[in-house]
Amino acid sequence: MPTGHRRWWPPGWRAYSGRSGLTWTDHDGTRRASIVSYDKTSAEQRKQQLEGACCTNVRCHPQTI
């Protein structure tokens, strides 16, 4: 896309990148967020790892573009 041009999206419409970030709460109550984005399969695997490590409120958040 040329410099200075912006994408136009209809109001209320979002485009998803197909990647997700994760948020969770550690066993000691500290809230955390991933600094990387995961594809769907990797996000589900990481979510299971976090839940297995006694983390709570583990959520996947689709990234918008």
N, C-alpha and C. Protein backbone atom coordinates (compact mmCIF):
# COMPACT_ATOMS: atom_id res chain seq x y z
N MET A 1 0.85 -1.16 0.00
CA MET A 1 0.00 0.00 0.00
C MET A 1 0.91 1.24 0.00
N PRO A 2 0.64 2.20 -0.86
CA PRO A 2 1.47 3.39 -0.93
C PRO A 2 1.49 4.17 0.38
N THR A 3 2.58 4.84 0.64
CA THR A 3 2.72 5.64 1.85
C THR A 3 1.66 6.72 1.88
N GLY A 4 1.09 6.95 3.05
CA GLY A 4 0.08 7.99 3.19
C GLY A 4 -1.34 7.52 2.95
N HIS A 5 -1.51 6.31 2.42
CA HIS A 5 -2.85 5.78 2.21
C HIS A 5 -3.28 4.97 3.41
N ARG A 6 -4.53 5.04 3.75
CA ARG A 6 -5.07 4.26 4.86
C ARG A 6 -6.10 3.29 4.34
N ARG A 7 -6.16 2.14 5.00
CA ARG A 7 -7.21 1.19 4.64
C ARG A 7 -8.53 1.71 5.16
N TRP A 8 -9.56 1.47 4.41
CA TRP A 8 -10.89 1.86 4.84
C TRP A 8 -11.68 0.62 5.15
N TRP A 9 -12.22 0.55 6.35
CA TRP A 9 -13.08 -0.56 6.76
C TRP A 9 -14.44 0.02 7.11
N PRO A 10 -15.51 -0.66 6.78
CA PRO A 10 -16.84 -0.19 7.16
C PRO A 10 -16.96 -0.09 8.69
N PRO A 11 -17.79 0.82 9.20
CA PRO A 11 -17.95 0.97 10.65
C PRO A 11 -18.36 -0.36 11.30
N GLY A 12 -17.70 -0.69 12.40
CA GLY A 12 -18.02 -1.91 13.13
C GLY A 12 -17.42 -3.18 12.56
N TRP A 13 -16.74 -3.10 11.45
CA TRP A 13 -16.17 -4.27 10.80
C TRP A 13 -14.71 -4.40 11.19
N ARG A 14 -14.25 -5.62 11.47
CA ARG A 14 -12.86 -5.84 11.82
C ARG A 14 -12.29 -6.96 10.96
N ALA A 15 -11.07 -6.81 10.58
CA ALA A 15 -10.37 -7.86 9.84
C ALA A 15 -9.43 -8.57 10.81
N TYR A 16 -9.53 -9.88 10.89
CA TYR A 16 -8.69 -10.65 11.79
C TYR A 16 -7.50 -11.22 11.04
N SER A 17 -6.35 -11.20 11.69
CA SER A 17 -5.12 -11.64 11.06
C SER A 17 -4.94 -13.15 11.06
N GLY A 18 -5.79 -13.88 11.79
CA GLY A 18 -5.63 -15.32 11.90
C GLY A 18 -4.64 -15.71 12.99
N ARG A 19 -4.17 -14.74 13.74
CA ARG A 19 -3.22 -14.98 14.82
C ARG A 19 -3.85 -14.50 16.13
N SER A 20 -3.34 -15.03 17.23
CA SER A 20 -3.92 -14.71 18.54
C SER A 20 -2.84 -14.39 19.56
N GLY A 21 -3.19 -13.55 20.50
CA GLY A 21 -2.37 -13.31 21.67
C GLY A 21 -3.04 -13.98 22.86
N LEU A 22 -2.31 -14.18 23.93
CA LEU A 22 -2.86 -14.82 25.12
C LEU A 22 -2.74 -13.90 26.33
N THR A 23 -3.72 -13.98 27.22
CA THR A 23 -3.62 -13.35 28.53
C THR A 23 -3.94 -14.42 29.56
N TRP A 24 -3.38 -14.26 30.77
CA TRP A 24 -3.62 -15.22 31.84
C TRP A 24 -3.22 -14.61 33.17
N THR A 25 -3.59 -15.30 34.24
CA THR A 25 -3.21 -14.92 35.59
C THR A 25 -2.36 -16.03 36.18
N ASP A 26 -1.16 -15.69 36.65
CA ASP A 26 -0.27 -16.67 37.27
C ASP A 26 -0.86 -17.19 38.57
N HIS A 27 -0.28 -18.28 39.07
CA HIS A 27 -0.75 -18.88 40.32
C HIS A 27 -0.63 -17.92 41.51
N ASP A 28 0.25 -16.91 41.41
CA ASP A 28 0.41 -15.95 42.51
C ASP A 28 -0.46 -14.69 42.32
N GLY A 29 -1.31 -14.67 41.27
CA GLY A 29 -2.23 -13.56 41.05
C GLY A 29 -1.73 -12.49 40.10
N THR A 30 -0.53 -12.66 39.53
CA THR A 30 0.02 -11.68 38.60
C THR A 30 -0.61 -11.87 37.22
N ARG A 31 -1.16 -10.79 36.65
CA ARG A 31 -1.74 -10.85 35.31
C ARG A 31 -0.63 -10.75 34.28
N ARG A 32 -0.73 -11.54 33.24
CA ARG A 32 0.29 -11.61 32.19
C ARG A 32 -0.35 -11.53 30.81
N ALA A 33 0.48 -11.17 29.82
CA ALA A 33 0.06 -11.17 28.41
C ALA A 33 1.24 -11.61 27.56
N SER A 34 0.95 -12.34 26.50
CA SER A 34 2.02 -12.78 25.61
C SER A 34 2.52 -11.59 24.78
N ILE A 35 3.81 -11.62 24.46
CA ILE A 35 4.37 -10.56 23.62
C ILE A 35 4.54 -11.05 22.19
N VAL A 36 4.15 -12.28 21.95
CA VAL A 36 4.20 -12.85 20.61
C VAL A 36 2.78 -13.23 20.19
N SER A 37 2.57 -13.42 18.91
CA SER A 37 1.28 -13.89 18.44
C SER A 37 1.42 -15.34 17.99
N TYR A 38 0.36 -16.08 18.16
CA TYR A 38 0.37 -17.50 17.87
C TYR A 38 -0.65 -17.82 16.78
N ASP A 39 -0.36 -18.83 15.95
CA ASP A 39 -1.39 -19.34 15.07
C ASP A 39 -2.36 -20.13 15.94
N LYS A 40 -3.49 -20.54 15.39
CA LYS A 40 -4.55 -21.16 16.20
C LYS A 40 -4.06 -22.41 16.94
N THR A 41 -3.36 -23.29 16.25
CA THR A 41 -2.88 -24.53 16.86
C THR A 41 -1.90 -24.24 17.99
N SER A 42 -0.94 -23.37 17.74
CA SER A 42 0.06 -23.04 18.76
C SER A 42 -0.57 -22.34 19.96
N ALA A 43 -1.57 -21.48 19.71
CA ALA A 43 -2.25 -20.79 20.81
C ALA A 43 -2.97 -21.79 21.70
N GLU A 44 -3.63 -22.78 21.11
CA GLU A 44 -4.32 -23.79 21.90
C GLU A 44 -3.33 -24.63 22.71
N GLN A 45 -2.18 -24.96 22.11
CA GLN A 45 -1.15 -25.72 22.83
C GLN A 45 -0.60 -24.91 24.00
N ARG A 46 -0.32 -23.65 23.77
CA ARG A 46 0.21 -22.80 24.84
C ARG A 46 -0.83 -22.61 25.95
N LYS A 47 -2.09 -22.48 25.56
CA LYS A 47 -3.17 -22.35 26.54
C LYS A 47 -3.21 -23.58 27.45
N GLN A 48 -3.09 -24.78 26.87
CA GLN A 48 -3.09 -26.01 27.65
C GLN A 48 -1.88 -26.06 28.59
N GLN A 49 -0.71 -25.60 28.11
CA GLN A 49 0.49 -25.56 28.96
C GLN A 49 0.28 -24.64 30.16
N LEU A 50 -0.29 -23.48 29.91
CA LEU A 50 -0.52 -22.51 30.99
C LEU A 50 -1.53 -23.05 32.00
N GLU A 51 -2.60 -23.66 31.51
CA GLU A 51 -3.60 -24.23 32.41
C GLU A 51 -3.00 -25.38 33.22
N GLY A 52 -2.10 -26.15 32.61
CA GLY A 52 -1.41 -27.22 33.32
C GLY A 52 -0.46 -26.71 34.39
N ALA A 53 -0.02 -25.46 34.24
CA ALA A 53 0.89 -24.84 35.22
C ALA A 53 0.11 -24.05 36.27
N CYS A 54 -1.17 -24.36 36.43
CA CYS A 54 -2.05 -23.74 37.44
C CYS A 54 -2.32 -22.25 37.20
N CYS A 55 -2.26 -21.82 35.96
CA CYS A 55 -2.64 -20.44 35.63
C CYS A 55 -4.15 -20.39 35.42
N THR A 56 -4.75 -19.26 35.72
CA THR A 56 -6.19 -19.11 35.57
C THR A 56 -6.50 -18.02 34.57
N ASN A 57 -7.76 -17.91 34.20
CA ASN A 57 -8.23 -16.88 33.24
C ASN A 57 -7.42 -16.87 31.96
N VAL A 58 -7.05 -18.04 31.45
CA VAL A 58 -6.28 -18.11 30.21
C VAL A 58 -7.23 -17.88 29.05
N ARG A 59 -6.94 -16.85 28.25
CA ARG A 59 -7.82 -16.48 27.14
C ARG A 59 -7.01 -16.20 25.88
N CYS A 60 -7.58 -16.59 24.73
CA CYS A 60 -7.01 -16.27 23.43
C CYS A 60 -7.74 -15.04 22.90
N HIS A 61 -6.99 -14.10 22.36
CA HIS A 61 -7.55 -12.87 21.82
C HIS A 61 -7.13 -12.73 20.37
N PRO A 62 -8.07 -12.86 19.42
CA PRO A 62 -7.72 -12.70 18.01
C PRO A 62 -7.19 -11.30 17.74
N GLN A 63 -6.16 -11.24 16.94
CA GLN A 63 -5.57 -9.93 16.60
C GLN A 63 -6.25 -9.37 15.36
N THR A 64 -6.55 -8.10 15.40
CA THR A 64 -7.14 -7.43 14.26
C THR A 64 -6.06 -6.68 13.50
N ILE A 65 -6.33 -6.46 12.23
CA ILE A 65 -5.38 -5.69 11.41
C ILE A 65 -6.00 -4.37 11.03
